[in-house]
Amino acid sequence: MQVIATAGHAGHGKSALVRALTGMEADRWTEERGRGPSAALGIAWTRLPSGRRLALVDVPGHERRVTDMLAGAGPVPAAMMVVAADEGWMPQSQEHAEALHALGVRHGLLAITRADLADPTHALRQARARLEDIGLRGLEAVTVSSVTGAGLPDLIAALDRLVARLPVPDPGAPVRLWVDGAHPVDGGTVVTGTLGAGCIRAGDELVLTPRGRTVRVRALESLNEPVEQLTGVSRVALHLHGVDHDAVSRGMALVSADRWTMTTCIDVRLSFAEASGRLPRQMVLHIGAAAVPVRLRPLGPDTARLTLNARLPLHVGDRAILRDPARRAVAGMRVLDVRPPTLVRRGANTARARELASWPDRPDGALLLRRHGMLRERELALMGCRPPKDAVRLEPDWLADPAHWERLHQRLAEELARHAAAHPLAPGLTLEAARLRLGLPSRALVAALARPPLRLAGGRVYGPPPQVAEAVRRLRAELADAPFRAPEADRLAELGLTGPTLAAAVAAGAVLRLADGVVLPGDADRQALRILAGLPQPFTVAEAGRALGTSGRVAIPLLEHLDRQGLTERDGDHRRVRAR
């Protein structure tokens, strides 16, 4: 199944067109019929010539019902823009088109209706120009009359082609069903909405947000037919067991447990609007069927912080609309961060704007882990991201950004050195004292940091002997700009890495002695492996040397070391990084 929404000015024949296409009356609330413009969402459906089923969400076109329109169009992947031949492009045509563009709806078609009342040529040319002005280019256009039936076969064929082009959502994605209708039934409540992705089965438990209540799906229907399970995109009706009708309202969402961040504060990127500083400070956020008042705090020209009046289940990358009902202004937005940092220090706004300016519209797990430094794997899932491949995995479920983890290791070494200098008779730090100094949430993480040249004994962390630590520090400083250009033997002597000091540093794991006179810091092999994994596989010694910025004097013994560790494998003159 696929689901598309209508869009367009009031009275341009959206409902009549849906009726002509499906033979059904889409407006489900019969008491509203005969009272002028449609006031709520209507659903109708048909089977296309290809055999695909298509549900049509018929949205109201009146300017007072934009919230209803956004509730219907928000979760759908495509829209049918309807413009009357005898009136042409109108104010709600513009507002609906801008809203679709802001929501990221790029699939659709243009239907010029009431072709029996006027020559559609002008309206078609005008509509195409206006759609192109706001970035909705290349929509297939059909002229049609719902009264005479002229053009209906062409429209049905165009809908079939449109549905065939729509992307297939991931059935394994977490469920987020925005509720756009609810009514009481015996033993519970039936809620309706458009399922964009994921799968819902009878008997599933979902979380009703923002209340946070776990509810059970007793039964499912789709297009008036009972089913055992549904995948997106589908129109769904869920019978929720034991849920009072008064406890559910439009804009709530049913979500998979532990898969979404419930938040009232987000950082966003704005598009299709004025600079953030010129937007009103009070606006309404529309996502799915929800409409939530927000307070806007400008950051950069196209970034802002939003404080929401209600908790919403969100992922980074989510699209939504900011709307100012007074000015009928619409701004598209993408969620960049669902757990943004506090902004209390002087210059924090500017620094945050500069940081967000470099972010893509859909941040990935690597970027978010880099910003937070450390996260639980579950926390990344709640943000909608997968763990990066190069993340440092720590028990039980912690992930660390590699650069941040290395900085923590260095900070621990520095703290140990300061403590040893101040307390020479008690040179070690307890795990708890080290945890507090580093600001870590767990002693187990401190223990994981206590790798060579640091060591853990008796619940305390110890650093290397002072002369070893100083020699290793000088080596790291020497290689700061070229990590794999190992010093020559005479320079090693100047750094203090000879004889017993070098032996102690090797024994502590503070340095790697790859060959006589070839010494690198102890973590050089891990750093090299990350670089080599980015090369086309397999690679030669020369290619590895160029990537690492070093000569064969270092590259050959380093690769042989990686071979012995089982991290790379050799095949003649080539090597490849082993899959981990």
Protein backbone atom coordinates (compact mmCIF):
# COMPACT_ATOMS: atom_id res chain seq x y z
CA MET A 1 0.00 0.00 0.00
CA GLN A 2 0.95 3.63 -0.42
CA VAL A 3 -0.59 6.75 1.07
CA ILE A 4 -0.66 10.21 -0.49
CA ALA A 5 -2.37 13.43 0.59
CA THR A 6 -4.26 16.03 -1.36
CA ALA A 7 -3.26 19.70 -1.13
CA GLY A 8 -4.63 22.94 -2.50
CA HIS A 9 -6.96 25.89 -2.03
CA ALA A 10 -10.44 25.47 -0.56
CA GLY A 11 -13.12 24.76 -3.17
CA HIS A 12 -10.74 23.64 -5.92
CA GLY A 13 -12.28 20.18 -6.03
CA LYS A 14 -9.98 18.00 -3.91
CA SER A 15 -12.81 16.03 -2.30
CA ALA A 16 -14.72 15.72 -5.58
CA LEU A 17 -11.58 14.41 -7.25
CA VAL A 18 -11.03 11.84 -4.50
CA ARG A 19 -14.66 10.78 -4.85
CA ALA A 20 -14.29 10.40 -8.61
CA LEU A 21 -11.09 8.35 -8.21
CA THR A 22 -12.33 6.01 -5.48
CA GLY A 23 -16.13 6.06 -5.64
CA MET A 24 -16.06 6.81 -1.90
CA GLU A 25 -17.01 9.77 0.24
CA ALA A 26 -13.74 10.63 1.96
CA ASP A 27 -15.13 12.89 4.69
CA ARG A 28 -15.76 10.42 7.51
CA TRP A 29 -17.56 12.91 9.76
CA THR A 30 -20.99 13.04 8.11
CA GLU A 31 -22.19 15.79 10.42
CA GLU A 32 -19.70 18.14 8.77
CA ARG A 33 -21.03 17.61 5.26
CA GLY A 34 -23.09 20.45 3.94
CA ARG A 35 -21.39 22.97 6.23
CA GLY A 36 -19.03 24.49 3.69
CA PRO A 37 -15.34 23.57 3.40
CA SER A 38 -14.26 20.15 4.72
CA ALA A 39 -13.21 20.55 8.35
CA ALA A 40 -11.27 17.37 9.02
CA LEU A 41 -9.25 14.62 7.38
CA GLY A 42 -11.02 12.18 5.15
CA ILE A 43 -9.71 8.82 3.96
CA ALA A 44 -10.62 7.00 0.76
CA TRP A 45 -8.87 4.28 -1.18
CA THR A 46 -8.73 2.47 -4.46
CA ARG A 47 -6.82 -0.23 -6.31
CA LEU A 48 -4.70 1.03 -9.18
CA PRO A 49 -4.37 -0.76 -12.56
CA SER A 50 -1.05 -2.27 -11.43
CA GLY A 51 -2.83 -3.93 -8.51
CA ARG A 52 -1.27 -1.62 -5.91
CA ARG A 53 -3.56 -0.23 -3.25
CA LEU A 54 -3.58 3.54 -2.76
CA ALA A 55 -5.04 5.41 0.19
CA LEU A 56 -5.81 9.10 -0.25
CA VAL A 57 -5.81 11.48 2.71
CA ASP A 58 -8.16 14.30 1.74
CA VAL A 59 -7.11 17.40 3.68
CA PRO A 60 -9.15 20.59 4.15
CA GLY A 61 -8.16 23.60 2.06
CA HIS A 62 -9.58 26.41 4.16
CA GLU A 63 -7.07 28.88 5.62
CA ARG A 64 -8.47 28.28 9.14
CA ARG A 65 -7.76 24.56 8.78
CA VAL A 66 -4.02 24.59 8.00
CA THR A 67 -3.35 22.62 11.19
CA ASP A 68 -5.66 19.86 9.91
CA MET A 69 -3.92 19.94 6.53
CA LEU A 70 -0.50 19.55 8.15
CA ALA A 71 -1.77 16.69 10.32
CA GLY A 72 -2.81 14.83 7.18
CA ALA A 73 0.20 15.67 5.01
CA GLY A 74 2.90 15.43 7.68
CA PRO A 75 3.41 11.63 7.72
CA VAL A 76 2.87 10.89 3.99
CA PRO A 77 5.61 10.43 1.35
CA ALA A 78 3.81 12.15 -1.55
CA ALA A 79 1.04 14.61 -2.36
CA MET A 80 -1.40 15.47 -5.14
CA MET A 81 -1.45 19.24 -5.62
CA VAL A 82 -4.89 20.34 -6.83
CA VAL A 83 -5.45 23.66 -8.66
CA ALA A 84 -8.74 24.68 -10.29
CA ALA A 85 -8.57 25.67 -13.97
CA ASP A 86 -11.09 28.51 -13.53
CA GLU A 87 -9.34 30.14 -10.51
CA GLY A 88 -5.68 29.24 -10.84
CA TRP A 89 -3.08 29.57 -8.09
CA MET A 90 -4.57 30.91 -4.83
CA PRO A 91 -3.26 31.80 -1.35
CA GLN A 92 -3.84 28.34 0.14
CA SER A 93 -2.26 26.77 -2.95
CA GLN A 94 0.89 28.68 -2.02
CA GLU A 95 0.74 27.87 1.69
CA HIS A 96 0.10 24.18 1.09
CA ALA A 97 2.91 23.96 -1.47
CA GLU A 98 5.34 25.71 0.87
CA ALA A 99 4.35 23.36 3.66
CA LEU A 100 4.95 20.28 1.48
CA HIS A 101 8.36 21.60 0.47
CA ALA A 102 9.25 22.36 4.09
CA LEU A 103 8.23 18.83 5.11
CA GLY A 104 10.57 17.37 2.51
CA VAL A 105 7.80 15.97 0.30
CA ARG A 106 9.49 15.74 -3.10
CA HIS A 107 7.21 13.17 -4.75
CA GLY A 108 3.84 14.13 -6.15
CA LEU A 109 1.79 15.22 -9.10
CA LEU A 110 -0.16 18.27 -10.16
CA ALA A 111 -3.87 17.92 -10.97
CA ILE A 112 -5.60 20.83 -12.76
CA THR A 113 -9.27 20.30 -11.93
CA ARG A 114 -12.54 21.77 -13.25
CA ALA A 115 -11.20 21.60 -16.79
CA ASP A 116 -14.84 21.57 -17.92
CA LEU A 117 -15.26 25.17 -16.66
CA ALA A 118 -12.18 26.85 -18.18
CA ASP A 119 -9.19 26.30 -20.42
CA PRO A 120 -6.59 24.74 -18.05
CA THR A 121 -3.57 26.07 -19.97
CA HIS A 122 -3.07 29.25 -17.94
CA ALA A 123 -3.63 27.55 -14.57
CA LEU A 124 -1.21 24.77 -15.52
CA ARG A 125 1.52 27.20 -16.61
CA GLN A 126 1.01 29.34 -13.50
CA ALA A 127 1.05 26.37 -11.11
CA ARG A 128 4.22 24.92 -12.62
CA ALA A 129 5.99 28.28 -12.30
CA ARG A 130 4.95 28.70 -8.65
CA LEU A 131 5.97 25.15 -7.77
CA GLU A 132 9.35 25.61 -9.39
CA ASP A 133 9.84 28.88 -7.46
CA ILE A 134 9.70 26.96 -4.17
CA GLY A 135 11.72 23.95 -5.33
CA LEU A 136 8.95 21.48 -6.27
CA ARG A 137 10.12 20.88 -9.83
CA GLY A 138 9.29 18.20 -12.31
CA LEU A 139 5.89 17.10 -10.97
CA GLU A 140 3.85 15.27 -13.61
CA ALA A 141 0.74 17.28 -14.48
CA VAL A 142 -2.71 16.08 -15.51
CA THR A 143 -5.83 18.08 -16.43
CA VAL A 144 -9.10 16.56 -15.29
CA SER A 145 -12.79 17.14 -14.69
CA SER A 146 -14.49 15.34 -11.82
CA VAL A 147 -17.88 16.15 -13.35
CA THR A 148 -17.40 14.84 -16.90
CA GLY A 149 -14.67 12.30 -16.10
CA ALA A 150 -12.35 13.77 -18.72
CA GLY A 151 -8.73 13.08 -17.83
CA LEU A 152 -9.52 10.60 -15.03
CA PRO A 153 -7.85 7.64 -16.81
CA ASP A 154 -4.74 9.79 -17.31
CA LEU A 155 -4.77 10.78 -13.63
CA ILE A 156 -5.12 7.17 -12.49
CA ALA A 157 -2.19 6.15 -14.72
CA ALA A 158 -0.13 9.05 -13.35
CA LEU A 159 -0.93 7.99 -9.77
CA ASP A 160 0.17 4.46 -10.60
CA ARG A 161 3.49 5.75 -11.94
CA LEU A 162 3.91 7.95 -8.87
CA VAL A 163 3.29 5.10 -6.45
CA ALA A 164 5.78 2.90 -8.31
CA ARG A 165 8.51 5.54 -7.79
CA LEU A 166 8.01 5.97 -4.06
CA PRO A 167 10.74 4.56 -1.81
CA VAL A 168 9.98 1.44 0.23
CA PRO A 169 10.30 2.17 3.98
CA ASP A 170 12.32 -0.05 6.31
CA PRO A 171 9.98 -2.58 8.00
CA GLY A 172 12.55 -2.93 10.79
CA ALA A 173 12.52 0.78 11.61
CA PRO A 174 11.18 1.90 14.99
CA VAL A 175 7.47 2.65 14.96
CA ARG A 176 6.17 6.20 15.37
CA LEU A 177 2.46 6.46 14.55
CA TRP A 178 1.09 9.98 14.88
CA VAL A 179 -2.52 9.82 16.00
CA ASP A 180 -4.82 11.84 13.72
CA GLY A 181 -8.13 10.44 14.98
CA ALA A 182 -9.60 8.44 17.86
CA HIS A 183 -13.01 7.08 18.85
CA PRO A 184 -14.25 4.83 21.67
CA VAL A 185 -15.10 1.13 21.23
CA ASP A 186 -15.98 -1.61 23.69
CA GLY A 187 -12.99 -2.31 25.88
CA GLY A 188 -10.78 0.53 24.66
CA THR A 189 -10.15 3.06 21.93
CA VAL A 190 -9.45 2.92 18.21
CA VAL A 191 -6.81 5.34 16.98
CA THR A 192 -6.00 6.09 13.35
CA GLY A 193 -2.93 7.40 11.58
CA THR A 194 -0.46 6.91 8.74
CA LEU A 195 2.33 4.45 9.54
CA GLY A 196 5.42 5.77 7.77
CA ALA A 197 7.84 2.93 8.54
CA GLY A 198 8.29 -0.07 10.78
CA CYS A 199 5.85 -2.88 11.54
CA ILE A 200 2.92 -3.23 13.95
CA ARG A 201 1.43 -6.60 14.91
CA ALA A 202 -1.60 -7.60 16.91
CA GLY A 203 -0.47 -8.05 20.51
CA ASP A 204 2.41 -5.55 20.25
CA GLU A 205 3.05 -3.18 23.10
CA LEU A 206 3.68 0.47 22.20
CA VAL A 207 4.24 3.58 24.27
CA LEU A 208 1.60 6.31 24.09
CA THR A 209 3.45 9.62 24.18
CA PRO A 210 3.78 12.10 25.76
CA ARG A 211 2.09 10.31 28.67
CA GLY A 212 4.62 7.48 28.56
CA ARG A 213 1.95 4.83 29.12
CA THR A 214 2.54 1.36 27.66
CA VAL A 215 -0.51 0.13 25.73
CA ARG A 216 -1.30 -3.14 23.98
CA VAL A 217 -2.60 -3.39 20.41
CA ARG A 218 -5.59 -5.73 20.61
CA ALA A 219 -6.36 -5.68 16.86
CA LEU A 220 -5.47 -3.87 13.64
CA GLU A 221 -7.42 -2.70 10.63
CA SER A 222 -6.36 -1.14 7.37
CA LEU A 223 -8.88 0.34 4.97
CA ASN A 224 -11.74 -1.32 6.90
CA GLU A 225 -10.15 -4.79 6.73
CA PRO A 226 -8.79 -6.65 9.78
CA VAL A 227 -5.13 -7.64 9.50
CA GLU A 228 -2.58 -9.35 11.74
CA GLN A 229 0.28 -6.99 10.95
CA LEU A 230 1.06 -3.87 8.94
CA THR A 231 4.22 -2.27 7.60
CA GLY A 232 4.70 1.29 6.41
CA VAL A 233 3.50 3.07 4.42
CA SER A 234 -0.08 2.22 5.48
CA ARG A 235 -3.24 3.76 6.83
CA VAL A 236 -3.89 1.99 10.10
CA ALA A 237 -6.56 1.74 12.76
CA LEU A 238 -5.38 0.25 16.07
CA HIS A 239 -7.69 -1.07 18.77
CA LEU A 240 -5.91 -0.20 22.02
CA HIS A 241 -6.93 -2.43 24.90
CA GLY A 242 -8.06 -0.72 28.10
CA VAL A 243 -7.38 2.84 26.96
CA ASP A 244 -10.09 5.43 27.64
CA HIS A 245 -11.07 7.61 24.71
CA ASP A 246 -10.48 10.72 26.81
CA ALA A 247 -6.83 9.70 27.27
CA VAL A 248 -6.00 9.96 23.54
CA SER A 249 -6.02 13.00 21.30
CA ARG A 250 -4.69 14.08 17.92
CA GLY A 251 -0.97 14.82 17.96
CA MET A 252 -0.07 12.06 20.40
CA ALA A 253 2.15 9.31 19.05
CA LEU A 254 2.44 5.57 19.54
CA VAL A 255 6.11 4.58 19.46
CA SER A 256 8.37 1.59 19.89
CA ALA A 257 9.67 1.46 23.46
CA ASP A 258 13.25 2.69 24.04
CA ARG A 259 13.75 3.79 20.43
CA TRP A 260 13.00 7.53 20.57
CA THR A 261 14.27 10.50 22.55
CA MET A 262 11.47 12.22 24.44
CA THR A 263 12.56 15.83 24.51
CA THR A 264 11.44 19.40 25.05
CA CYS A 265 14.64 21.04 23.77
CA ILE A 266 16.19 20.66 20.31
CA ASP A 267 18.67 22.41 18.05
CA VAL A 268 17.47 22.73 14.45
CA ARG A 269 18.48 23.95 11.01
CA LEU A 270 15.96 26.18 9.27
CA SER A 271 15.25 26.42 5.56
CA PHE A 272 12.87 28.13 3.16
CA ALA A 273 12.46 31.09 5.52
CA GLU A 274 13.93 34.30 6.79
CA ALA A 275 17.11 34.29 8.88
CA SER A 276 16.45 32.79 12.32
CA GLY A 277 16.89 36.17 14.00
CA ARG A 278 13.94 37.64 12.07
CA LEU A 279 11.48 34.85 12.90
CA PRO A 280 8.98 35.34 15.74
CA ARG A 281 10.14 34.06 19.13
CA GLN A 282 6.84 32.21 19.62
CA MET A 283 5.83 29.76 16.87
CA VAL A 284 4.07 26.43 16.42
CA LEU A 285 5.99 23.26 15.58
CA HIS A 286 4.14 20.83 13.29
CA ILE A 287 5.43 17.28 12.99
CA GLY A 288 3.27 14.34 12.01
CA ALA A 289 -0.15 15.16 13.43
CA ALA A 290 1.29 17.14 16.36
CA ALA A 291 1.10 20.93 16.70
CA VAL A 292 3.15 22.16 19.67
CA PRO A 293 3.87 25.79 20.68
CA VAL A 294 7.61 26.48 20.86
CA ARG A 295 9.94 29.26 21.95
CA LEU A 296 12.66 30.05 19.40
CA ARG A 297 16.18 31.16 20.34
CA PRO A 298 18.26 32.16 17.30
CA LEU A 299 21.78 30.74 17.08
CA GLY A 300 23.26 31.21 13.59
CA PRO A 301 21.64 32.56 10.41
CA ASP A 302 19.96 29.21 9.75
CA THR A 303 20.12 27.52 13.16
CA ALA A 304 18.04 27.92 16.29
CA ARG A 305 17.22 26.32 19.62
CA LEU A 306 13.60 25.39 20.22
CA THR A 307 12.02 24.90 23.63
CA LEU A 308 8.83 22.86 23.24
CA ASN A 309 5.68 23.14 25.35
CA ALA A 310 5.27 19.35 25.28
CA ARG A 311 7.60 16.38 25.04
CA LEU A 312 7.86 14.84 21.58
CA PRO A 313 9.46 11.57 20.41
CA LEU A 314 12.20 12.70 18.01
CA HIS A 315 15.30 11.54 16.14
CA VAL A 316 18.08 13.63 14.66
CA GLY A 317 17.30 14.29 11.01
CA ASP A 318 13.54 14.56 11.57
CA ARG A 319 11.79 17.07 9.31
CA ALA A 320 9.12 19.40 10.63
CA ILE A 321 7.52 22.80 10.08
CA LEU A 322 7.63 25.97 12.14
CA ARG A 323 4.58 28.15 11.54
CA ASP A 324 3.56 31.58 12.66
CA PRO A 325 -0.26 31.53 12.41
CA ALA A 326 -0.49 35.33 12.66
CA ARG A 327 1.73 35.96 9.62
CA ARG A 328 0.99 32.63 7.91
CA ALA A 329 4.78 32.24 7.66
CA VAL A 330 6.21 28.76 7.22
CA ALA A 331 9.77 27.62 7.87
CA GLY A 332 11.06 24.13 7.21
CA MET A 333 13.40 22.63 9.78
CA ARG A 334 15.62 19.61 10.37
CA VAL A 335 16.40 18.35 13.85
CA LEU A 336 20.17 18.44 14.43
CA ASP A 337 20.39 17.54 18.13
CA VAL A 338 17.80 16.07 20.50
CA ARG A 339 20.13 16.41 23.51
CA PRO A 340 21.75 19.81 23.01
CA PRO A 341 24.18 21.31 25.52
CA THR A 342 23.14 24.06 27.90
CA LEU A 343 23.99 27.58 26.76
CA VAL A 344 24.78 29.61 29.88
CA ARG A 345 28.30 30.96 29.46
CA ARG A 346 29.15 34.14 27.61
CA GLY A 347 29.75 33.35 23.94
CA ALA A 348 27.99 29.97 24.18
CA ASN A 349 25.44 30.93 21.50
CA THR A 350 28.16 31.92 19.04
CA ALA A 351 30.23 28.81 19.73
CA ARG A 352 27.20 26.55 19.31
CA ALA A 353 26.20 28.27 16.05
CA ARG A 354 29.73 27.78 14.71
CA GLU A 355 29.63 24.10 15.67
CA LEU A 356 26.21 23.48 14.08
CA ALA A 357 27.23 25.27 10.88
CA SER A 358 29.58 22.37 10.10
CA TRP A 359 26.97 19.68 10.77
CA PRO A 360 25.04 17.93 7.97
CA ASP A 361 21.23 17.99 8.00
CA ARG A 362 21.24 14.41 9.27
CA PRO A 363 24.05 13.93 11.81
CA ASP A 364 25.35 10.38 12.15
CA GLY A 365 26.47 8.38 15.16
CA ALA A 366 30.14 9.32 14.69
CA LEU A 367 29.39 13.04 14.83
CA LEU A 368 27.12 12.77 17.88
CA LEU A 369 29.57 10.53 19.71
CA ARG A 370 32.31 13.03 18.93
CA ARG A 371 30.23 15.84 20.45
CA HIS A 372 29.28 13.93 23.59
CA GLY A 373 32.60 12.10 23.95
CA MET A 374 30.93 9.10 25.55
CA LEU A 375 27.44 7.65 25.25
CA ARG A 376 25.69 4.40 26.00
CA GLU A 377 24.80 2.50 22.84
CA ARG A 378 21.14 2.75 23.86
CA GLU A 379 21.42 6.55 23.97
CA LEU A 380 22.59 6.65 20.34
CA ALA A 381 19.67 4.41 19.36
CA LEU A 382 17.27 6.82 21.09
CA MET A 383 18.71 9.61 18.92
CA GLY A 384 18.12 7.51 15.79
CA CYS A 385 21.76 6.69 15.07
CA ARG A 386 23.88 3.56 14.79
CA PRO A 387 27.22 3.25 16.59
CA PRO A 388 30.21 4.25 14.43
CA LYS A 389 32.51 1.42 13.44
CA ASP A 390 35.57 3.02 15.04
CA ALA A 391 33.89 3.65 18.40
CA VAL A 392 35.76 2.36 21.44
CA ARG A 393 33.43 -0.24 22.99
CA LEU A 394 33.49 -0.52 26.76
CA GLU A 395 31.62 -2.72 29.17
CA PRO A 396 28.77 -2.96 29.72
CA ASP A 397 27.39 -0.83 26.87
CA TRP A 398 29.46 2.35 26.73
CA LEU A 399 30.81 3.82 23.50
CA ALA A 400 33.64 6.36 23.36
CA ASP A 401 34.88 8.54 20.56
CA PRO A 402 38.47 7.37 19.85
CA ALA A 403 39.99 10.84 20.09
CA HIS A 404 38.07 11.61 23.28
CA TRP A 405 39.11 8.28 24.81
CA GLU A 406 42.74 9.02 24.04
CA ARG A 407 42.42 12.47 25.61
CA LEU A 408 40.96 10.88 28.74
CA HIS A 409 43.91 8.49 28.86
CA GLN A 410 46.32 11.41 28.65
CA ARG A 411 44.41 13.36 31.29
CA LEU A 412 44.52 10.36 33.64
CA ALA A 413 48.27 10.09 33.12
CA GLU A 414 48.63 13.81 33.90
CA GLU A 415 46.49 13.53 37.02
CA LEU A 416 48.59 10.59 38.20
CA ALA A 417 51.79 12.52 37.59
CA ARG A 418 50.49 15.51 39.58
CA HIS A 419 49.32 13.26 42.39
CA ALA A 420 52.65 11.40 42.51
CA ALA A 421 54.55 14.69 42.67
CA ALA A 422 52.36 15.93 45.54
CA HIS A 423 52.24 12.59 47.38
CA PRO A 424 55.43 10.66 46.61
CA LEU A 425 54.70 8.10 49.34
CA ALA A 426 51.22 7.33 47.90
CA PRO A 427 51.67 7.68 44.14
CA GLY A 428 48.47 5.90 43.10
CA LEU A 429 44.93 7.30 42.84
CA THR A 430 41.89 5.32 43.96
CA LEU A 431 39.41 4.51 41.21
CA GLU A 432 36.84 6.80 42.81
CA ALA A 433 39.27 9.72 43.09
CA ALA A 434 40.28 9.27 39.44
CA ARG A 435 36.63 9.03 38.39
CA LEU A 436 35.83 12.32 40.09
CA ARG A 437 38.84 14.10 38.58
CA LEU A 438 37.91 12.96 35.08
CA GLY A 439 34.15 13.48 35.50
CA LEU A 440 33.34 9.92 34.44
CA PRO A 441 30.08 8.15 35.36
CA SER A 442 31.63 4.81 36.33
CA ARG A 443 34.74 3.42 38.05
CA ALA A 444 34.76 0.66 35.44
CA LEU A 445 35.57 3.27 32.81
CA VAL A 446 38.57 4.44 34.85
CA ALA A 447 39.76 0.85 35.06
CA ALA A 448 39.46 0.54 31.28
CA LEU A 449 41.60 3.66 30.91
CA ALA A 450 44.36 2.15 33.02
CA ARG A 451 46.16 0.57 30.09
CA PRO A 452 49.94 0.71 29.64
CA PRO A 453 51.87 2.71 30.63
CA LEU A 454 49.29 3.07 33.40
CA ARG A 455 48.48 0.08 35.59
CA LEU A 456 45.77 -0.97 38.00
CA ALA A 457 46.59 -2.69 41.28
CA GLY A 458 44.68 -3.02 44.53
CA GLY A 459 41.91 -0.66 43.51
CA ARG A 460 44.37 2.12 42.62
CA VAL A 461 45.71 3.44 39.33
CA TYR A 462 49.46 4.04 39.02
CA GLY A 463 51.45 5.89 36.41
CA PRO A 464 54.86 4.97 35.01
CA PRO A 465 58.07 6.02 36.81
CA PRO A 466 58.63 9.79 36.38
CA GLN A 467 61.65 9.46 34.07
CA VAL A 468 59.75 7.05 31.80
CA ALA A 469 56.67 9.26 31.73
CA GLU A 470 58.77 12.32 30.84
CA ALA A 471 60.61 10.50 28.03
CA VAL A 472 57.32 9.26 26.55
CA ARG A 473 55.86 12.78 26.80
CA ARG A 474 58.84 14.15 24.86
CA LEU A 475 58.40 11.43 22.20
CA ARG A 476 54.72 12.30 21.75
CA ALA A 477 55.55 15.99 21.44
CA GLU A 478 58.22 15.14 18.87
CA LEU A 479 55.67 13.24 16.75
CA ALA A 480 52.71 15.59 17.22
CA ASP A 481 52.73 16.73 13.56
CA ALA A 482 53.94 13.47 11.99
CA PRO A 483 52.85 10.54 14.21
CA PHE A 484 54.66 7.82 12.21
CA ARG A 485 58.04 9.45 11.47
CA ALA A 486 59.99 7.58 14.12
CA PRO A 487 63.06 9.49 15.40
CA GLU A 488 66.51 8.25 14.41
CA ALA A 489 68.64 6.54 17.06
CA ASP A 490 70.59 9.66 18.03
CA ARG A 491 67.36 11.65 18.47
CA LEU A 492 65.92 8.85 20.63
CA ALA A 493 68.94 9.24 22.89
CA GLU A 494 68.33 12.99 23.13
CA LEU A 495 64.72 12.28 24.13
CA GLY A 496 65.91 9.94 26.87
CA LEU A 497 64.55 6.75 25.34
CA THR A 498 67.59 4.47 25.61
CA GLY A 499 68.80 1.67 27.84
CA PRO A 500 66.74 0.94 30.97
CA THR A 501 64.32 3.83 30.34
CA LEU A 502 63.42 2.50 26.89
CA ALA A 503 63.12 -1.04 28.24
CA ALA A 504 60.81 0.14 31.02
CA ALA A 505 58.69 2.12 28.55
CA VAL A 506 58.38 -0.93 26.27
CA ALA A 507 57.53 -3.20 29.21
CA ALA A 508 54.84 -0.75 30.36
CA GLY A 509 53.38 -0.58 26.86
CA ALA A 510 54.07 3.16 26.66
CA VAL A 511 56.01 2.74 23.40
CA LEU A 512 56.28 0.25 20.55
CA ARG A 513 59.78 -0.91 19.64
CA LEU A 514 59.17 -2.14 16.10
CA ALA A 515 62.84 -2.71 15.23
CA ASP A 516 66.24 -1.51 16.38
CA GLY A 517 66.00 2.27 16.48
CA VAL A 518 62.33 2.34 15.36
CA VAL A 519 60.20 3.48 18.31
CA LEU A 520 56.67 4.89 18.27
CA PRO A 521 54.11 5.70 20.98
CA GLY A 522 52.25 2.72 22.40
CA ASP A 523 48.98 3.46 20.59
CA ALA A 524 50.57 4.00 17.17
CA ASP A 525 49.44 0.61 15.88
CA ARG A 526 45.78 1.39 16.64
CA GLN A 527 46.06 4.80 15.00
CA ALA A 528 47.73 3.27 11.95
CA LEU A 529 45.05 0.60 11.65
CA ARG A 530 42.28 3.23 11.47
CA ILE A 531 44.12 5.00 8.65
CA LEU A 532 44.89 1.80 6.75
CA ALA A 533 41.27 0.65 7.02
CA GLY A 534 40.34 3.71 4.95
CA LEU A 535 42.57 2.71 2.03
CA PRO A 536 41.32 0.70 -0.97
CA GLN A 537 41.92 -2.92 -0.01
CA PRO A 538 44.40 -4.53 -0.55
CA PHE A 539 47.29 -2.04 -0.42
CA THR A 540 51.06 -2.12 -0.87
CA VAL A 541 53.79 -1.06 1.56
CA ALA A 542 54.35 2.08 -0.52
CA GLU A 543 50.65 2.99 -0.38
CA ALA A 544 50.63 2.41 3.36
CA GLY A 545 53.72 4.57 3.79
CA ARG A 546 52.15 7.43 1.86
CA ALA A 547 48.92 7.19 3.86
CA LEU A 548 50.85 7.20 7.14
CA GLY A 549 53.26 9.90 6.04
CA THR A 550 56.37 7.84 6.72
CA SER A 551 59.16 5.90 5.06
CA GLY A 552 59.80 2.21 4.52
CA ARG A 553 62.08 2.23 7.58
CA VAL A 554 58.94 2.58 9.69
CA ALA A 555 56.17 1.27 7.42
CA ILE A 556 57.68 -2.21 6.91
CA PRO A 557 58.21 -3.12 10.61
CA LEU A 558 54.88 -1.47 11.53
CA LEU A 559 53.01 -3.62 8.98
CA GLU A 560 54.87 -6.72 10.16
CA HIS A 561 53.80 -5.87 13.71
CA LEU A 562 50.16 -5.56 12.58
CA ASP A 563 50.49 -8.91 10.78
CA ARG A 564 51.72 -10.58 13.98
CA GLN A 565 48.82 -9.06 15.91
CA GLY A 566 46.37 -10.55 13.40
CA LEU A 567 45.12 -7.07 12.49
CA THR A 568 46.33 -7.23 8.88
CA GLU A 569 47.04 -10.14 6.56
CA ARG A 570 49.61 -10.40 3.81
CA ASP A 571 49.12 -11.81 0.33
CA GLY A 572 52.33 -11.47 -1.66
CA ASP A 573 53.18 -7.80 -2.00
CA HIS A 574 49.78 -6.71 -0.75
CA ARG A 575 48.04 -6.49 2.60
CA ARG A 576 44.52 -5.92 3.79
CA VAL A 577 42.98 -4.97 7.13
CA ARG A 578 41.19 -7.93 8.69
CA ALA A 579 37.47 -7.47 9.30
CA ARG A 580 36.69 -7.00 12.96
